[in-house]
Amino acid sequence: MSSPRRVLAIDPGRTGAAVLAIGDGSSIARAGGAWTWRPRKHGYTLQRGCGGKVGVADLHEVACELRAAAEGIEALVVEGLFAPRRETGEAQGKHLARMARQLVLAQAKGEVLGPLRSLTPTLYEPMAREWRAKVLRCGNKRRKVAEAYALKVVPTHIMSDLGPLAANVHVVEAAAMAYFGLVHLRLDAID
């Protein structure tokens, strides 16, 4: 059996989550930690899987907390961003609003990813449809359908490792992305 590998997976955004997964490349043996964050009036609320909630000033502080826990990771998995196409018949204002949401997400992703990037040379940035198709095997379904699939895919023992955060959809998606990262590390080692 190969030695355990550590992967940090992040579902980025102003409201997001991260999961530190430890596994052998074919499964997640255990979750080494889980975090969620959400904006509040002055800064963010950061919740640790086994701890309470703390107030932090910004996403950089969230990233520093993740960095302290993620020393020795072999890969970082962060959901990729996309530029939405203008749909046929879509009003220009609606399209610009969707573009603006992606810009806010990109800024949040950068704030979280920046301090973590030097931890490992291996960065996977799969688009949501890519990791969902490979891990959840649900194709290009809407987010709500994919969330239901994610709850079925993440093993029960991992859900218990995640503690009270297992009910958070962002955490469950981050755990599924961590599995994506573990599998890709194993495949990269074969190449």
Protein backbone atom coordinates (compact mmCIF):
# COMPACT_ATOMS: atom_id res chain seq x y z
CA MET A 1 0.00 0.00 0.00
CA SER A 2 1.27 3.47 -0.83
CA SER A 3 1.92 6.09 1.83
CA PRO A 4 -0.91 8.50 2.69
CA ARG A 5 -1.18 11.59 0.55
CA ARG A 6 -2.51 14.96 1.67
CA VAL A 7 -4.67 17.17 -0.53
CA LEU A 8 -6.31 20.48 0.31
CA ALA A 9 -9.47 21.15 -1.70
CA ILE A 10 -11.20 24.51 -1.75
CA ASP A 11 -14.67 25.49 -2.89
CA PRO A 12 -13.78 29.18 -3.25
CA GLY A 13 -15.89 32.27 -2.95
CA ARG A 14 -16.97 34.91 -0.51
CA THR A 15 -18.89 32.02 1.08
CA GLY A 16 -16.76 28.91 0.73
CA ALA A 17 -15.16 25.89 2.33
CA ALA A 18 -12.00 23.82 2.42
CA VAL A 19 -11.28 20.19 3.29
CA LEU A 20 -7.90 18.63 4.03
CA ALA A 21 -8.12 15.01 2.85
CA ILE A 22 -5.71 12.19 3.54
CA GLY A 23 -5.84 9.12 1.34
CA ASP A 24 -3.99 6.70 -0.92
CA GLY A 25 -5.18 7.90 -4.31
CA SER A 26 -8.09 5.52 -4.65
CA SER A 27 -10.07 6.68 -1.62
CA ILE A 28 -10.09 9.21 1.17
CA ALA A 29 -8.99 7.52 4.39
CA ARG A 30 -9.91 10.47 6.59
CA ALA A 31 -10.51 14.18 6.64
CA GLY A 32 -7.69 16.05 8.35
CA GLY A 33 -9.79 19.17 8.78
CA ALA A 34 -12.63 21.24 7.42
CA TRP A 35 -13.36 24.97 7.38
CA THR A 36 -16.14 27.23 6.16
CA TRP A 37 -16.26 30.98 5.85
CA ARG A 38 -18.96 33.51 5.13
CA PRO A 39 -19.08 37.29 5.02
CA ARG A 40 -20.40 39.24 7.97
CA LYS A 41 -20.81 42.95 8.61
CA HIS A 42 -17.10 43.59 9.32
CA GLY A 43 -15.02 40.79 7.84
CA TYR A 44 -15.77 37.07 7.80
CA THR A 45 -16.90 34.32 10.13
CA LEU A 46 -14.56 31.33 9.96
CA GLN A 47 -15.78 28.01 11.34
CA ARG A 48 -13.46 25.08 11.97
CA GLY A 49 -14.73 21.53 11.75
CA CYS A 50 -14.01 20.63 15.34
CA GLY A 51 -13.90 24.12 16.79
CA GLY A 52 -16.12 27.10 17.08
CA LYS A 53 -16.63 30.18 14.99
CA VAL A 54 -14.17 33.05 14.99
CA GLY A 55 -14.27 36.45 13.37
CA VAL A 56 -11.52 37.29 10.90
CA ALA A 57 -10.86 40.51 9.03
CA ASP A 58 -10.62 39.15 5.49
CA LEU A 59 -10.07 36.14 3.24
CA HIS A 60 -6.30 36.51 3.62
CA GLU A 61 -6.71 35.55 7.29
CA VAL A 62 -8.80 32.56 6.22
CA ALA A 63 -5.97 31.53 3.88
CA CYS A 64 -3.38 31.90 6.65
CA GLU A 65 -5.43 29.57 8.87
CA LEU A 66 -5.63 27.03 6.04
CA ARG A 67 -1.90 27.37 5.36
CA ALA A 68 -1.01 26.53 8.96
CA ALA A 69 -3.03 23.31 8.75
CA ALA A 70 -1.96 22.36 5.24
CA GLU A 71 1.82 22.07 5.60
CA GLY A 72 3.04 19.00 3.73
CA ILE A 73 0.21 18.80 1.21
CA GLU A 74 0.99 17.25 -2.14
CA ALA A 75 -1.74 18.99 -4.11
CA LEU A 76 -4.10 21.90 -3.97
CA VAL A 77 -7.48 21.59 -5.72
CA VAL A 78 -9.43 24.80 -6.31
CA GLU A 79 -12.55 24.95 -8.42
CA GLY A 80 -11.85 26.73 -11.70
CA LEU A 81 -13.63 29.85 -12.91
CA PHE A 82 -15.42 30.49 -16.16
CA ALA A 83 -16.68 33.41 -18.19
CA PRO A 84 -20.39 32.88 -18.78
CA ARG A 85 -21.59 33.15 -22.35
CA ARG A 86 -24.45 35.41 -23.17
CA GLU A 87 -27.47 33.18 -23.65
CA THR A 88 -29.73 33.66 -26.63
CA GLY A 89 -32.30 36.30 -25.80
CA GLU A 90 -30.66 37.17 -22.48
CA ALA A 91 -30.85 40.83 -21.53
CA GLN A 92 -27.49 42.57 -21.45
CA GLY A 93 -28.00 43.64 -17.83
CA LYS A 94 -28.57 40.06 -16.68
CA HIS A 95 -25.46 38.90 -18.53
CA LEU A 96 -23.37 41.69 -16.99
CA ALA A 97 -24.67 40.70 -13.53
CA ARG A 98 -23.53 37.09 -14.12
CA MET A 99 -20.12 38.38 -15.28
CA ALA A 100 -19.86 40.57 -12.17
CA ARG A 101 -20.53 37.55 -9.92
CA GLN A 102 -17.62 35.73 -11.62
CA LEU A 103 -15.35 38.73 -11.01
CA VAL A 104 -16.26 38.75 -7.30
CA LEU A 105 -15.61 35.00 -7.18
CA ALA A 106 -12.25 35.48 -8.94
CA GLN A 107 -11.19 38.09 -6.40
CA ALA A 108 -12.19 35.84 -3.49
CA LYS A 109 -10.41 32.87 -5.07
CA GLY A 110 -7.23 34.92 -5.47
CA GLU A 111 -7.29 36.09 -1.86
CA VAL A 112 -7.58 32.51 -0.59
CA LEU A 113 -5.23 30.90 -3.12
CA GLY A 114 -2.42 33.47 -2.86
CA PRO A 115 -0.93 32.48 0.52
CA LEU A 116 -1.44 28.76 -0.20
CA ARG A 117 0.14 28.58 -3.64
CA SER A 118 3.72 28.19 -2.39
CA LEU A 119 2.86 25.05 -0.39
CA THR A 120 2.94 22.73 -3.40
CA PRO A 121 3.83 22.83 -7.09
CA THR A 122 0.74 20.73 -7.89
CA LEU A 123 -2.36 22.82 -8.47
CA TYR A 124 -5.50 21.40 -10.03
CA GLU A 125 -8.17 23.88 -11.12
CA PRO A 126 -10.96 21.75 -12.54
CA MET A 127 -14.12 23.44 -13.73
CA ALA A 128 -17.18 22.43 -11.72
CA ARG A 129 -18.56 20.38 -14.61
CA GLU A 130 -15.22 18.52 -14.97
CA TRP A 131 -14.78 17.35 -11.37
CA ARG A 132 -18.51 16.68 -11.00
CA ALA A 133 -18.53 14.50 -14.12
CA LYS A 134 -15.50 12.50 -12.96
CA VAL A 135 -16.24 12.19 -9.25
CA LEU A 136 -20.01 12.42 -8.99
CA ARG A 137 -20.68 10.84 -12.38
CA CYS A 138 -23.69 13.09 -12.79
CA GLY A 139 -22.64 14.89 -15.95
CA ASN A 140 -23.33 18.57 -16.38
CA LYS A 141 -26.27 18.81 -13.99
CA ARG A 142 -27.50 21.91 -12.22
CA ARG A 143 -25.80 22.74 -8.91
CA LYS A 144 -28.68 21.51 -6.71
CA VAL A 145 -28.66 18.09 -8.41
CA ALA A 146 -24.86 17.89 -8.13
CA GLU A 147 -25.08 18.70 -4.41
CA ALA A 148 -27.40 15.74 -3.88
CA TYR A 149 -24.96 13.47 -5.75
CA ALA A 150 -22.05 14.78 -3.64
CA LEU A 151 -23.84 13.79 -0.44
CA LYS A 152 -24.14 10.23 -1.81
CA VAL A 153 -20.50 9.98 -2.98
CA VAL A 154 -18.62 11.18 0.10
CA PRO A 155 -18.17 8.13 2.38
CA THR A 156 -19.94 8.01 5.74
CA HIS A 157 -16.69 7.85 7.73
CA ILE A 158 -15.53 11.07 6.06
CA MET A 159 -18.84 12.75 6.84
CA SER A 160 -18.30 11.90 10.52
CA ASP A 161 -14.73 13.31 10.32
CA LEU A 162 -16.21 16.58 9.03
CA GLY A 163 -18.30 16.89 12.19
CA PRO A 164 -21.01 19.54 12.21
CA LEU A 165 -19.71 20.96 8.94
CA ALA A 166 -20.85 17.83 7.08
CA ALA A 167 -24.23 19.51 6.62
CA ASN A 168 -22.61 22.37 4.67
CA VAL A 169 -22.89 21.87 0.91
CA HIS A 170 -19.63 23.73 0.25
CA VAL A 171 -17.78 21.34 2.60
CA VAL A 172 -19.25 18.27 0.92
CA GLU A 173 -18.28 19.62 -2.52
CA ALA A 174 -14.75 20.37 -1.25
CA ALA A 175 -14.49 16.77 0.02
CA ALA A 176 -15.52 15.50 -3.41
CA MET A 177 -12.93 17.79 -5.05
CA ALA A 178 -10.30 16.42 -2.65
CA TYR A 179 -11.07 12.94 -3.98
CA PHE A 180 -10.58 14.34 -7.50
CA GLY A 181 -7.14 15.61 -6.40
CA LEU A 182 -6.11 12.30 -4.81
CA VAL A 183 -7.03 10.38 -7.96
CA HIS A 184 -5.12 12.82 -10.17
CA LEU A 185 -2.04 12.59 -7.96
CA ARG A 186 -2.11 8.82 -8.36
CA LEU A 187 -2.56 9.10 -12.14
CA ASP A 188 0.25 11.67 -12.42
CA ALA A 189 2.56 9.29 -10.54
CA ILE A 190 1.84 6.55 -13.09
CA ASP A 191 2.69 8.80 -16.08
